[in-house]
Amino acid sequence: MRWYCRYALSYRDVEELTQERGWRVEHASIYRWVQAYSHQLGKHCRHHLRPTSHAWRVDEVYLKVKGQGKWLYRAVDKYGDTLGFLLTAKRDAFVSKTLLPQDAQCLK
């Protein structure tokens, strides 16, 4: 179940991983486990995560996404961890500064 929650895997991908390790688990069982226990797993793991800092900054980068130019704004704490991000077609520093502080505080 942790593989499904941590990585971008489908239930059938997790079923295949368990079969490689010699376990016979159906994808429907994994679905039921995720529905039943993911909330508890999230609460338990939250205590072990490194807390984010109250000091953070906005990082701005120009990227090409599928051949089109985009602006990526990231809120980064002093440890280099991403707190939030915004991808826009146009460069708009005002919007990034008004949106990212709220996103960064929500994700802390």
PDB file of N, CA and C in Angstrom:
ATOM      1  N   MET A   1       0.826  -1.184   0.000  1.00  0.00           N
ATOM      2  CA  MET A   1       0.000   0.000   0.000  1.00  0.00           C
ATOM      3  C   MET A   1       0.871   1.249   0.000  1.00  0.00           C
ATOM      4  N   ARG A   2       2.016   1.195   0.675  1.00  0.00           N
ATOM      5  CA  ARG A   2       2.902   2.351   0.716  1.00  0.00           C
ATOM      6  C   ARG A   2       3.413   2.688  -0.676  1.00  0.00           C
ATOM      7  N   TRP A   3       3.667   1.684  -1.506  1.00  0.00           N
ATOM      8  CA  TRP A   3       4.134   1.939  -2.863  1.00  0.00           C
ATOM      9  C   TRP A   3       3.099   2.750  -3.636  1.00  0.00           C
ATOM     10  N   TYR A   4       1.818   2.393  -3.492  1.00  0.00           N
ATOM     11  CA  TYR A   4       0.776   3.108  -4.215  1.00  0.00           C
ATOM     12  C   TYR A   4       0.691   4.557  -3.740  1.00  0.00           C
ATOM     13  N   CYS A   5       0.777   4.775  -2.442  1.00  0.00           N
ATOM     14  CA  CYS A   5       0.644   6.130  -1.896  1.00  0.00           C
ATOM     15  C   CYS A   5       1.886   6.975  -2.186  1.00  0.00           C
ATOM     16  N   ARG A   6       3.060   6.375  -2.205  1.00  0.00           N
ATOM     17  CA  ARG A   6       4.302   7.132  -2.365  1.00  0.00           C
ATOM     18  C   ARG A   6       4.653   7.411  -3.827  1.00  0.00           C
ATOM     19  N   TYR A   7       4.409   6.442  -4.694  1.00  0.00           N
ATOM     20  CA  TYR A   7       4.807   6.551  -6.097  1.00  0.00           C
ATOM     21  C   TYR A   7       3.578   6.605  -6.991  1.00  0.00           C
ATOM     22  N   ALA A   8       3.733   7.094  -8.190  1.00  0.00           N
ATOM     23  CA  ALA A   8       2.617   7.198  -9.134  1.00  0.00           C
ATOM     24  C   ALA A   8       2.406   5.850  -9.815  1.00  0.00           C
ATOM     25  N   LEU A   9       1.817   4.920  -9.088  1.00  0.00           N
ATOM     26  CA  LEU A   9       1.573   3.575  -9.592  1.00  0.00           C
ATOM     27  C   LEU A   9       0.082   3.294  -9.617  1.00  0.00           C
ATOM     28  N   SER A  10      -0.318   2.438 -10.538  1.00  0.00           N
ATOM     29  CA  SER A  10      -1.705   1.982 -10.537  1.00  0.00           C
ATOM     30  C   SER A  10      -1.814   0.776  -9.607  1.00  0.00           C
ATOM     31  N   TYR A  11      -3.046   0.377  -9.308  1.00  0.00           N
ATOM     32  CA  TYR A  11      -3.251  -0.791  -8.456  1.00  0.00           C
ATOM     33  C   TYR A  11      -2.695  -2.045  -9.131  1.00  0.00           C
ATOM     34  N   ARG A  12      -2.805  -2.099 -10.442  1.00  0.00           N
ATOM     35  CA  ARG A  12      -2.279  -3.258 -11.172  1.00  0.00           C
ATOM     36  C   ARG A  12      -0.751  -3.268 -11.160  1.00  0.00           C
ATOM     37  N   ASP A  13      -0.119  -2.091 -11.160  1.00  0.00           N
ATOM     38  CA  ASP A  13       1.340  -2.026 -11.034  1.00  0.00           C
ATOM     39  C   ASP A  13       1.785  -2.560  -9.680  1.00  0.00           C
ATOM     40  N   VAL A  14       1.072  -2.191  -8.645  1.00  0.00           N
ATOM     41  CA  VAL A  14       1.415  -2.675  -7.301  1.00  0.00           C
ATOM     42  C   VAL A  14       1.175  -4.174  -7.211  1.00  0.00           C
ATOM     43  N   GLU A  15       0.110  -4.650  -7.838  1.00  0.00           N
ATOM     44  CA  GLU A  15      -0.152  -6.096  -7.872  1.00  0.00           C
ATOM     45  C   GLU A  15       1.017  -6.826  -8.535  1.00  0.00           C
ATOM     46  N   GLU A  16       1.529  -6.268  -9.624  1.00  0.00           N
ATOM     47  CA  GLU A  16       2.664  -6.882 -10.324  1.00  0.00           C
ATOM     48  C   GLU A  16       3.927  -6.870  -9.459  1.00  0.00           C
ATOM     49  N   LEU A  17       4.156  -5.786  -8.730  1.00  0.00           N
ATOM     50  CA  LEU A  17       5.313  -5.718  -7.834  1.00  0.00           C
ATOM     51  C   LEU A  17       5.226  -6.771  -6.727  1.00  0.00           C
ATOM     52  N   THR A  18       4.031  -6.959  -6.192  1.00  0.00           N
ATOM     53  CA  THR A  18       3.887  -7.962  -5.134  1.00  0.00           C
ATOM     54  C   THR A  18       4.080  -9.373  -5.685  1.00  0.00           C
ATOM     55  N   GLN A  19       3.649  -9.612  -6.921  1.00  0.00           N
ATOM     56  CA  GLN A  19       3.839 -10.933  -7.525  1.00  0.00           C
ATOM     57  C   GLN A  19       5.315 -11.214  -7.759  1.00  0.00           C
ATOM     58  N   GLU A  20       6.102 -10.174  -8.103  1.00  0.00           N
ATOM     59  CA  GLU A  20       7.543 -10.348  -8.281  1.00  0.00           C
ATOM     60  C   GLU A  20       8.217 -10.761  -6.972  1.00  0.00           C
ATOM     61  N   ARG A  21       7.625 -10.382  -5.851  1.00  0.00           N
ATOM     62  CA  ARG A  21       8.192 -10.719  -4.550  1.00  0.00           C
ATOM     63  C   ARG A  21       7.590 -12.003  -3.971  1.00  0.00           C
ATOM     64  N   GLY A  22       6.745 -12.664  -4.746  1.00  0.00           N
ATOM     65  CA  GLY A  22       6.204 -13.945  -4.317  1.00  0.00           C
ATOM     66  C   GLY A  22       4.890 -13.866  -3.557  1.00  0.00           C
ATOM     67  N   TRP A  23       4.237 -12.722  -3.521  1.00  0.00           N
ATOM     68  CA  TRP A  23       2.958 -12.583  -2.827  1.00  0.00           C
ATOM     69  C   TRP A  23       1.842 -12.603  -3.862  1.00  0.00           C
ATOM     70  N   ARG A  24       0.723 -13.207  -3.518  1.00  0.00           N
ATOM     71  CA  ARG A  24      -0.437 -13.186  -4.408  1.00  0.00           C
ATOM     72  C   ARG A  24      -1.467 -12.250  -3.808  1.00  0.00           C
ATOM     73  N   VAL A  25      -1.519 -11.040  -4.342  1.00  0.00           N
ATOM     74  CA  VAL A  25      -2.461 -10.028  -3.870  1.00  0.00           C
ATOM     75  C   VAL A  25      -3.160  -9.454  -5.097  1.00  0.00           C
ATOM     76  N   GLU A  26      -4.474  -9.422  -5.081  1.00  0.00           N
ATOM     77  CA  GLU A  26      -5.244  -8.862  -6.186  1.00  0.00           C
ATOM     78  C   GLU A  26      -5.266  -7.337  -6.096  1.00  0.00           C
ATOM     79  N   HIS A  27      -5.411  -6.680  -7.241  1.00  0.00           N
ATOM     80  CA  HIS A  27      -5.453  -5.214  -7.251  1.00  0.00           C
ATOM     81  C   HIS A  27      -6.672  -4.676  -6.509  1.00  0.00           C
ATOM     82  N   ALA A  28      -7.772  -5.435  -6.482  1.00  0.00           N
ATOM     83  CA  ALA A  28      -8.966  -5.002  -5.742  1.00  0.00           C
ATOM     84  C   ALA A  28      -8.689  -4.973  -4.234  1.00  0.00           C
ATOM     85  N   SER A  29      -7.896  -5.914  -3.754  1.00  0.00           N
ATOM     86  CA  SER A  29      -7.537  -5.924  -2.331  1.00  0.00           C
ATOM     87  C   SER A  29      -6.690  -4.710  -1.985  1.00  0.00           C
ATOM     88  N   ILE A  30      -5.758  -4.363  -2.869  1.00  0.00           N
ATOM     89  CA  ILE A  30      -4.915  -3.180  -2.644  1.00  0.00           C
ATOM     90  C   ILE A  30      -5.779  -1.932  -2.605  1.00  0.00           C
ATOM     91  N   TYR A  31      -6.773  -1.854  -3.503  1.00  0.00           N
ATOM     92  CA  TYR A  31      -7.702  -0.716  -3.510  1.00  0.00           C
ATOM     93  C   TYR A  31      -8.416  -0.602  -2.159  1.00  0.00           C
ATOM     94  N   ARG A  32      -8.913  -1.719  -1.637  1.00  0.00           N
ATOM     95  CA  ARG A  32      -9.626  -1.688  -0.350  1.00  0.00           C
ATOM     96  C   ARG A  32      -8.699  -1.293   0.786  1.00  0.00           C
ATOM     97  N   TRP A  33      -7.445  -1.759   0.755  1.00  0.00           N
ATOM     98  CA  TRP A  33      -6.479  -1.396   1.792  1.00  0.00           C
ATOM     99  C   TRP A  33      -6.185   0.097   1.760  1.00  0.00           C
ATOM    100  N   VAL A  34      -6.027   0.638   0.558  1.00  0.00           N
ATOM    101  CA  VAL A  34      -5.751   2.077   0.432  1.00  0.00           C
ATOM    102  C   VAL A  34      -6.926   2.879   0.981  1.00  0.00           C
ATOM    103  N   GLN A  35      -8.147   2.483   0.638  1.00  0.00           N
ATOM    104  CA  GLN A  35      -9.327   3.200   1.124  1.00  0.00           C
ATOM    105  C   GLN A  35      -9.444   3.113   2.643  1.00  0.00           C
ATOM    106  N   ALA A  36      -9.087   1.986   3.209  1.00  0.00           N
ATOM    107  CA  ALA A  36      -9.259   1.780   4.646  1.00  0.00           C
ATOM    108  C   ALA A  36      -8.124   2.371   5.479  1.00  0.00           C
ATOM    109  N   TYR A  37      -6.877   2.286   4.987  1.00  0.00           N
ATOM    110  CA  TYR A  37      -5.735   2.584   5.852  1.00  0.00           C
ATOM    111  C   TYR A  37      -4.878   3.783   5.432  1.00  0.00           C
ATOM    112  N   SER A  38      -5.128   4.402   4.287  1.00  0.00           N
ATOM    113  CA  SER A  38      -4.250   5.497   3.848  1.00  0.00           C
ATOM    114  C   SER A  38      -4.326   6.696   4.798  1.00  0.00           C
ATOM    115  N   HIS A  39      -5.485   6.971   5.358  1.00  0.00           N
ATOM    116  CA  HIS A  39      -5.607   8.092   6.295  1.00  0.00           C
ATOM    117  C   HIS A  39      -4.765   7.841   7.547  1.00  0.00           C
ATOM    118  N   GLN A  40      -4.835   6.634   8.079  1.00  0.00           N
ATOM    119  CA  GLN A  40      -4.047   6.290   9.265  1.00  0.00           C
ATOM    120  C   GLN A  40      -2.552   6.297   8.960  1.00  0.00           C
ATOM    121  N   LEU A  41      -2.181   5.792   7.789  1.00  0.00           N
ATOM    122  CA  LEU A  41      -0.776   5.789   7.391  1.00  0.00           C
ATOM    123  C   LEU A  41      -0.255   7.214   7.245  1.00  0.00           C
ATOM    124  N   GLY A  42      -1.067   8.096   6.669  1.00  0.00           N
ATOM    125  CA  GLY A  42      -0.673   9.498   6.533  1.00  0.00           C
ATOM    126  C   GLY A  42      -0.468  10.177   7.877  1.00  0.00           C
ATOM    127  N   LYS A  43      -1.355   9.923   8.833  1.00  0.00           N
ATOM    128  CA  LYS A  43      -1.199  10.511  10.173  1.00  0.00           C
ATOM    129  C   LYS A  43       0.046   9.976  10.868  1.00  0.00           C
ATOM    130  N   HIS A  44       0.313   8.688  10.712  1.00  0.00           N
ATOM    131  CA  HIS A  44       1.480   8.077  11.356  1.00  0.00           C
ATOM    132  C   HIS A  44       2.781   8.601  10.750  1.00  0.00           C
ATOM    133  N   CYS A  45       2.839   8.734   9.438  1.00  0.00           N
ATOM    134  CA  CYS A  45       4.070   9.168   8.754  1.00  0.00           C
ATOM    135  C   CYS A  45       4.333  10.662   8.943  1.00  0.00           C
ATOM    136  N   ARG A  46       3.318  11.449   9.177  1.00  0.00           N
ATOM    137  CA  ARG A  46       3.470  12.896   9.314  1.00  0.00           C
ATOM    138  C   ARG A  46       4.451  13.252  10.437  1.00  0.00           C
ATOM    139  N   HIS A  47       4.485  12.460  11.516  1.00  0.00           N
ATOM    140  CA  HIS A  47       5.379  12.741  12.640  1.00  0.00           C
ATOM    141  C   HIS A  47       6.848  12.545  12.267  1.00  0.00           C
ATOM    142  N   HIS A  48       7.126  11.706  11.277  1.00  0.00           N
ATOM    143  CA  HIS A  48       8.497  11.387  10.903  1.00  0.00           C
ATOM    144  C   HIS A  48       9.042  12.293   9.805  1.00  0.00           C
ATOM    145  N   LEU A  49       8.192  13.125   9.208  1.00  0.00           N
ATOM    146  CA  LEU A  49       8.652  14.031   8.159  1.00  0.00           C
ATOM    147  C   LEU A  49       9.422  15.193   8.764  1.00  0.00           C
ATOM    148  N   ARG A  50      10.390  15.679   8.014  1.00  0.00           N
ATOM    149  CA  ARG A  50      11.159  16.825   8.488  1.00  0.00           C
ATOM    150  C   ARG A  50      10.273  18.066   8.407  1.00  0.00           C
ATOM    151  N   PRO A  51      10.137  18.813   9.491  1.00  0.00           N
ATOM    152  CA  PRO A  51       9.284  20.001   9.457  1.00  0.00           C
ATOM    153  C   PRO A  51       9.878  21.063   8.536  1.00  0.00           C
ATOM    154  N   THR A  52       8.997  21.813   7.897  1.00  0.00           N
ATOM    155  CA  THR A  52       9.464  22.884   7.025  1.00  0.00           C
ATOM    156  C   THR A  52       9.769  24.126   7.843  1.00  0.00           C
ATOM    157  N   SER A  53      10.578  24.954   7.282  1.00  0.00           N
ATOM    158  CA  SER A  53      10.972  26.189   7.941  1.00  0.00           C
ATOM    159  C   SER A  53       9.947  27.280   7.657  1.00  0.00           C
ATOM    160  N   HIS A  54       9.911  28.274   8.493  1.00  0.00           N
ATOM    161  CA  HIS A  54       9.030  29.417   8.244  1.00  0.00           C
ATOM    162  C   HIS A  54       9.662  30.383   7.257  1.00  0.00           C
ATOM    163  N   ALA A  55      10.956  30.247   6.997  1.00  0.00           N
ATOM    164  CA  ALA A  55      11.655  31.085   6.024  1.00  0.00           C
ATOM    165  C   ALA A  55      11.604  30.402   4.664  1.00  0.00           C
ATOM    166  N   TRP A  56      11.091  31.098   3.650  1.00  0.00           N
ATOM    167  CA  TRP A  56      11.028  30.540   2.316  1.00  0.00           C
ATOM    168  C   TRP A  56      11.150  31.668   1.307  1.00  0.00           C
ATOM    169  N   ARG A  57      11.405  31.294   0.047  1.00  0.00           N
ATOM    170  CA  ARG A  57      11.567  32.276  -1.016  1.00  0.00           C
ATOM    171  C   ARG A  57      10.875  31.759  -2.273  1.00  0.00           C
ATOM    172  N   VAL A  58      10.661  32.663  -3.233  1.00  0.00           N
ATOM    173  CA  VAL A  58      10.039  32.299  -4.503  1.00  0.00           C
ATOM    174  C   VAL A  58      11.134  32.163  -5.551  1.00  0.00           C
ATOM    175  N   ASP A  59      11.097  31.071  -6.285  1.00  0.00           N
ATOM    176  CA  ASP A  59      12.052  30.755  -7.334  1.00  0.00           C
ATOM    177  C   ASP A  59      11.315  30.829  -8.671  1.00  0.00           C
ATOM    178  N   GLU A  60      11.898  31.470  -9.690  1.00  0.00           N
ATOM    179  CA  GLU A  60      11.239  31.659 -10.984  1.00  0.00           C
ATOM    180  C   GLU A  60      12.112  31.057 -12.083  1.00  0.00           C
ATOM    181  N   VAL A  61      11.504  30.201 -12.936  1.00  0.00           N
ATOM    182  CA  VAL A  61      12.245  29.536 -14.006  1.00  0.00           C
ATOM    183  C   VAL A  61      11.385  29.522 -15.267  1.00  0.00           C
ATOM    184  N   TYR A  62      12.026  29.755 -16.437  1.00  0.00           N
ATOM    185  CA  TYR A  62      11.344  29.636 -17.728  1.00  0.00           C
ATOM    186  C   TYR A  62      11.609  28.252 -18.290  1.00  0.00           C
ATOM    187  N   LEU A  63      10.535  27.510 -18.653  1.00  0.00           N
ATOM    188  CA  LEU A  63      10.644  26.137 -19.140  1.00  0.00           C
ATOM    189  C   LEU A  63       9.925  25.982 -20.464  1.00  0.00           C
ATOM    190  N   LYS A  64      10.305  24.966 -21.202  1.00  0.00           N
ATOM    191  CA  LYS A  64       9.560  24.550 -22.387  1.00  0.00           C
ATOM    192  C   LYS A  64       8.801  23.275 -22.015  1.00  0.00           C
ATOM    193  N   VAL A  65       7.475  23.324 -22.132  1.00  0.00           N
ATOM    194  CA  VAL A  65       6.628  22.173 -21.839  1.00  0.00           C
ATOM    195  C   VAL A  65       5.872  21.831 -23.110  1.00  0.00           C
ATOM    196  N   LYS A  66       6.177  20.669 -23.684  1.00  0.00           N
ATOM    197  CA  LYS A  66       5.581  20.231 -24.952  1.00  0.00           C
ATOM    198  C   LYS A  66       5.744  21.300 -26.024  1.00  0.00           C
ATOM    199  N   GLY A  67       6.908  21.913 -26.064  1.00  0.00           N
ATOM    200  CA  GLY A  67       7.221  22.897 -27.091  1.00  0.00           C
ATOM    201  C   GLY A  67       6.706  24.298 -26.816  1.00  0.00           C
ATOM    202  N   GLN A  68       6.024  24.516 -25.727  1.00  0.00           N
ATOM    203  CA  GLN A  68       5.491  25.835 -25.399  1.00  0.00           C
ATOM    204  C   GLN A  68       6.209  26.392 -24.176  1.00  0.00           C
ATOM    205  N   GLY A  69       6.486  27.689 -24.212  1.00  0.00           N
ATOM    206  CA  GLY A  69       7.162  28.337 -23.094  1.00  0.00           C
ATOM    207  C   GLY A  69       6.234  28.540 -21.914  1.00  0.00           C
ATOM    208  N   LYS A  70       6.709  28.197 -20.731  1.00  0.00           N
ATOM    209  CA  LYS A  70       5.937  28.348 -19.485  1.00  0.00           C
ATOM    210  C   LYS A  70       6.839  28.930 -18.413  1.00  0.00           C
ATOM    211  N   TRP A  71       6.229  29.594 -17.452  1.00  0.00           N
ATOM    212  CA  TRP A  71       6.939  30.124 -16.289  1.00  0.00           C
ATOM    213  C   TRP A  71       6.576  29.276 -15.084  1.00  0.00           C
ATOM    214  N   LEU A  72       7.593  28.777 -14.386  1.00  0.00           N
ATOM    215  CA  LEU A  72       7.394  27.972 -13.187  1.00  0.00           C
ATOM    216  C   LEU A  72       7.829  28.797 -11.983  1.00  0.00           C
ATOM    217  N   TYR A  73       6.911  29.014 -11.069  1.00  0.00           N
ATOM    218  CA  TYR A  73       7.209  29.687  -9.802  1.00  0.00           C
ATOM    219  C   TYR A  73       7.137  28.637  -8.702  1.00  0.00           C
ATOM    220  N   ARG A  74       8.175  28.572  -7.855  1.00  0.00           N
ATOM    221  CA  ARG A  74       8.200  27.611  -6.752  1.00  0.00           C
ATOM    222  C   ARG A  74       8.438  28.347  -5.449  1.00  0.00           C
ATOM    223  N   ALA A  75       7.760  27.907  -4.411  1.00  0.00           N
ATOM    224  CA  ALA A  75       8.057  28.371  -3.057  1.00  0.00           C
ATOM    225  C   ALA A  75       8.997  27.342  -2.451  1.00  0.00           C
ATOM    226  N   VAL A  76      10.207  27.782  -2.076  1.00  0.00           N
ATOM    227  CA  VAL A  76      11.244  26.887  -1.587  1.00  0.00           C
ATOM    228  C   VAL A  76      11.644  27.330  -0.191  1.00  0.00           C
ATOM    229  N   ASP A  77      11.727  26.362   0.754  1.00  0.00           N
ATOM    230  CA  ASP A  77      12.158  26.715   2.103  1.00  0.00           C
ATOM    231  C   ASP A  77      13.684  26.741   2.175  1.00  0.00           C
ATOM    232  N   LYS A  78      14.228  27.036   3.355  1.00  0.00           N
ATOM    233  CA  LYS A  78      15.675  27.204   3.469  1.00  0.00           C
ATOM    234  C   LYS A  78      16.433  25.896   3.317  1.00  0.00           C
ATOM    235  N   TYR A  79      15.743  24.745   3.375  1.00  0.00           N
ATOM    236  CA  TYR A  79      16.380  23.455   3.167  1.00  0.00           C
ATOM    237  C   TYR A  79      16.363  23.039   1.698  1.00  0.00           C
ATOM    238  N   GLY A  80      15.690  23.812   0.843  1.00  0.00           N
ATOM    239  CA  GLY A  80      15.599  23.475  -0.573  1.00  0.00           C
ATOM    240  C   GLY A  80      14.392  22.635  -0.930  1.00  0.00           C
ATOM    241  N   ASP A  81      13.499  22.398   0.018  1.00  0.00           N
ATOM    242  CA  ASP A  81      12.293  21.612  -0.243  1.00  0.00           C
ATOM    243  C   ASP A  81      11.225  22.504  -0.868  1.00  0.00           C
ATOM    244  N   THR A  82      10.523  21.980  -1.881  1.00  0.00           N
ATOM    245  CA  THR A  82       9.464  22.729  -2.546  1.00  0.00           C
ATOM    246  C   THR A  82       8.205  22.703  -1.697  1.00  0.00           C
ATOM    247  N   LEU A  83       7.668  23.885  -1.385  1.00  0.00           N
ATOM    248  CA  LEU A  83       6.452  23.993  -0.582  1.00  0.00           C
ATOM    249  C   LEU A  83       5.214  24.136  -1.451  1.00  0.00           C
ATOM    250  N   GLY A  84       5.364  24.726  -2.618  1.00  0.00           N
ATOM    251  CA  GLY A  84       4.254  24.927  -3.534  1.00  0.00           C
ATOM    252  C   GLY A  84       4.790  25.391  -4.863  1.00  0.00           C
ATOM    253  N   PHE A  85       3.960  25.272  -5.911  1.00  0.00           N
ATOM    254  CA  PHE A  85       4.419  25.723  -7.217  1.00  0.00           C
ATOM    255  C   PHE A  85       3.241  26.233  -8.031  1.00  0.00           C
ATOM    256  N   LEU A  86       3.580  27.001  -9.067  1.00  0.00           N
ATOM    257  CA  LEU A  86       2.590  27.572  -9.971  1.00  0.00           C
ATOM    258  C   LEU A  86       3.196  27.581 -11.356  1.00  0.00           C
ATOM    259  N   LEU A  87       2.503  27.010 -12.355  1.00  0.00           N
ATOM    260  CA  LEU A  87       2.964  26.980 -13.733  1.00  0.00           C
ATOM    261  C   LEU A  87       2.017  27.840 -14.557  1.00  0.00           C
ATOM    262  N   THR A  88       2.548  28.900 -15.201  1.00  0.00           N
ATOM    263  CA  THR A  88       1.713  29.819 -15.967  1.00  0.00           C
ATOM    264  C   THR A  88       2.276  30.003 -17.366  1.00  0.00           C
ATOM    265  N   ALA A  89       1.411  30.401 -18.286  1.00  0.00           N
ATOM    266  CA  ALA A  89       1.841  30.653 -19.662  1.00  0.00           C
ATOM    267  C   ALA A  89       2.530  32.006 -19.779  1.00  0.00           C
ATOM    268  N   LYS A  90       2.127  32.976 -18.967  1.00  0.00           N
ATOM    269  CA  LYS A  90       2.699  34.324 -19.017  1.00  0.00           C
ATOM    270  C   LYS A  90       3.452  34.625 -17.728  1.00  0.00           C
ATOM    271  N   ARG A  91       4.458  35.443 -17.858  1.00  0.00           N
ATOM    272  CA  ARG A  91       5.222  35.858 -16.678  1.00  0.00           C
ATOM    273  C   ARG A  91       4.403  36.882 -15.902  1.00  0.00           C
ATOM    274  N   ASP A  92       4.084  36.556 -14.678  1.00  0.00           N
ATOM    275  CA  ASP A  92       3.267  37.438 -13.859  1.00  0.00           C
ATOM    276  C   ASP A  92       3.734  37.335 -12.412  1.00  0.00           C
ATOM    277  N   ALA A  93       4.678  38.170 -12.059  1.00  0.00           N
ATOM    278  CA  ALA A  93       5.269  38.112 -10.725  1.00  0.00           C
ATOM    279  C   ALA A  93       4.245  38.437  -9.640  1.00  0.00           C
ATOM    280  N   PHE A  94       3.329  39.367  -9.915  1.00  0.00           N
ATOM    281  CA  PHE A  94       2.334  39.744  -8.908  1.00  0.00           C
ATOM    282  C   PHE A  94       1.455  38.550  -8.543  1.00  0.00           C
ATOM    283  N   VAL A  95       0.980  37.817  -9.539  1.00  0.00           N
ATOM    284  CA  VAL A  95       0.128  36.658  -9.275  1.00  0.00           C
ATOM    285  C   VAL A  95       0.895  35.608  -8.498  1.00  0.00           C
ATOM    286  N   SER A  96       2.159  35.375  -8.860  1.00  0.00           N
ATOM    287  CA  SER A  96       2.936  34.362  -8.153  1.00  0.00           C
ATOM    288  C   SER A  96       3.141  34.736  -6.694  1.00  0.00           C
ATOM    289  N   LYS A  97       3.359  36.018  -6.409  1.00  0.00           N
ATOM    290  CA  LYS A  97       3.573  36.435  -5.026  1.00  0.00           C
ATOM    291  C   LYS A  97       2.292  36.389  -4.207  1.00  0.00           C
ATOM    292  N   THR A  98       1.146  36.574  -4.847  1.00  0.00           N
ATOM    293  CA  THR A  98      -0.110  36.511  -4.101  1.00  0.00           C
ATOM    294  C   THR A  98      -0.601  35.083  -3.924  1.00  0.00           C
ATOM    295  N   LEU A  99      -0.292  34.190  -4.863  1.00  0.00           N
ATOM    296  CA  LEU A  99      -0.781  32.819  -4.757  1.00  0.00           C
ATOM    297  C   LEU A  99       0.128  31.929  -3.924  1.00  0.00           C
ATOM    298  N   LEU A 100       1.414  32.038  -4.085  1.00  0.00           N
ATOM    299  CA  LEU A 100       2.320  31.100  -3.437  1.00  0.00           C
ATOM    300  C   LEU A 100       2.366  31.190  -1.916  1.00  0.00           C
ATOM    301  N   PRO A 101       2.309  32.337  -1.284  1.00  0.00           N
ATOM    302  CA  PRO A 101       2.338  32.322   0.183  1.00  0.00           C
ATOM    303  C   PRO A 101       1.198  31.509   0.789  1.00  0.00           C
ATOM    304  N   GLN A 102      -0.008  31.599   0.237  1.00  0.00           N
ATOM    305  CA  GLN A 102      -1.109  30.827   0.786  1.00  0.00           C
ATOM    306  C   GLN A 102      -0.888  29.345   0.547  1.00  0.00           C
ATOM    307  N   ASP A 103      -0.412  28.970  -0.667  1.00  0.00           N
ATOM    308  CA  ASP A 103      -0.156  27.564  -0.970  1.00  0.00           C
ATOM    309  C   ASP A 103       0.946  27.040  -0.049  1.00  0.00           C
ATOM    310  N   ALA A 104       1.988  27.838   0.156  1.00  0.00           N
ATOM    311  CA  ALA A 104       3.108  27.370   0.972  1.00  0.00           C
ATOM    312  C   ALA A 104       2.675  27.167   2.412  1.00  0.00           C
ATOM    313  N   GLN A 105       1.814  28.033   2.938  1.00  0.00           N
ATOM    314  CA  GLN A 105       1.376  27.865   4.305  1.00  0.00           C
ATOM    315  C   GLN A 105       0.437  26.666   4.434  1.00  0.00           C
ATOM    316  N   CYS A 106      -0.346  26.374   3.392  1.00  0.00           N
ATOM    317  CA  CYS A 106      -1.237  25.228   3.446  1.00  0.00           C
ATOM    318  C   CYS A 106      -0.453  23.923   3.442  1.00  0.00           C
ATOM    319  N   LEU A 107       0.672  23.893   2.742  1.00  0.00           N
ATOM    320  CA  LEU A 107       1.429  22.663   2.602  1.00  0.00           C
ATOM    321  C   LEU A 107       2.380  22.423   3.751  1.00  0.00           C
ATOM    322  N   LYS A 108       2.519  23.351   4.670  1.00  0.00           N
ATOM    323  CA  LYS A 108       3.463  23.164   5.785  1.00  0.00           C
ATOM    324  C   LYS A 108       2.929  22.158   6.765  1.00  0.00           C
TER     325      LYS A 108
END
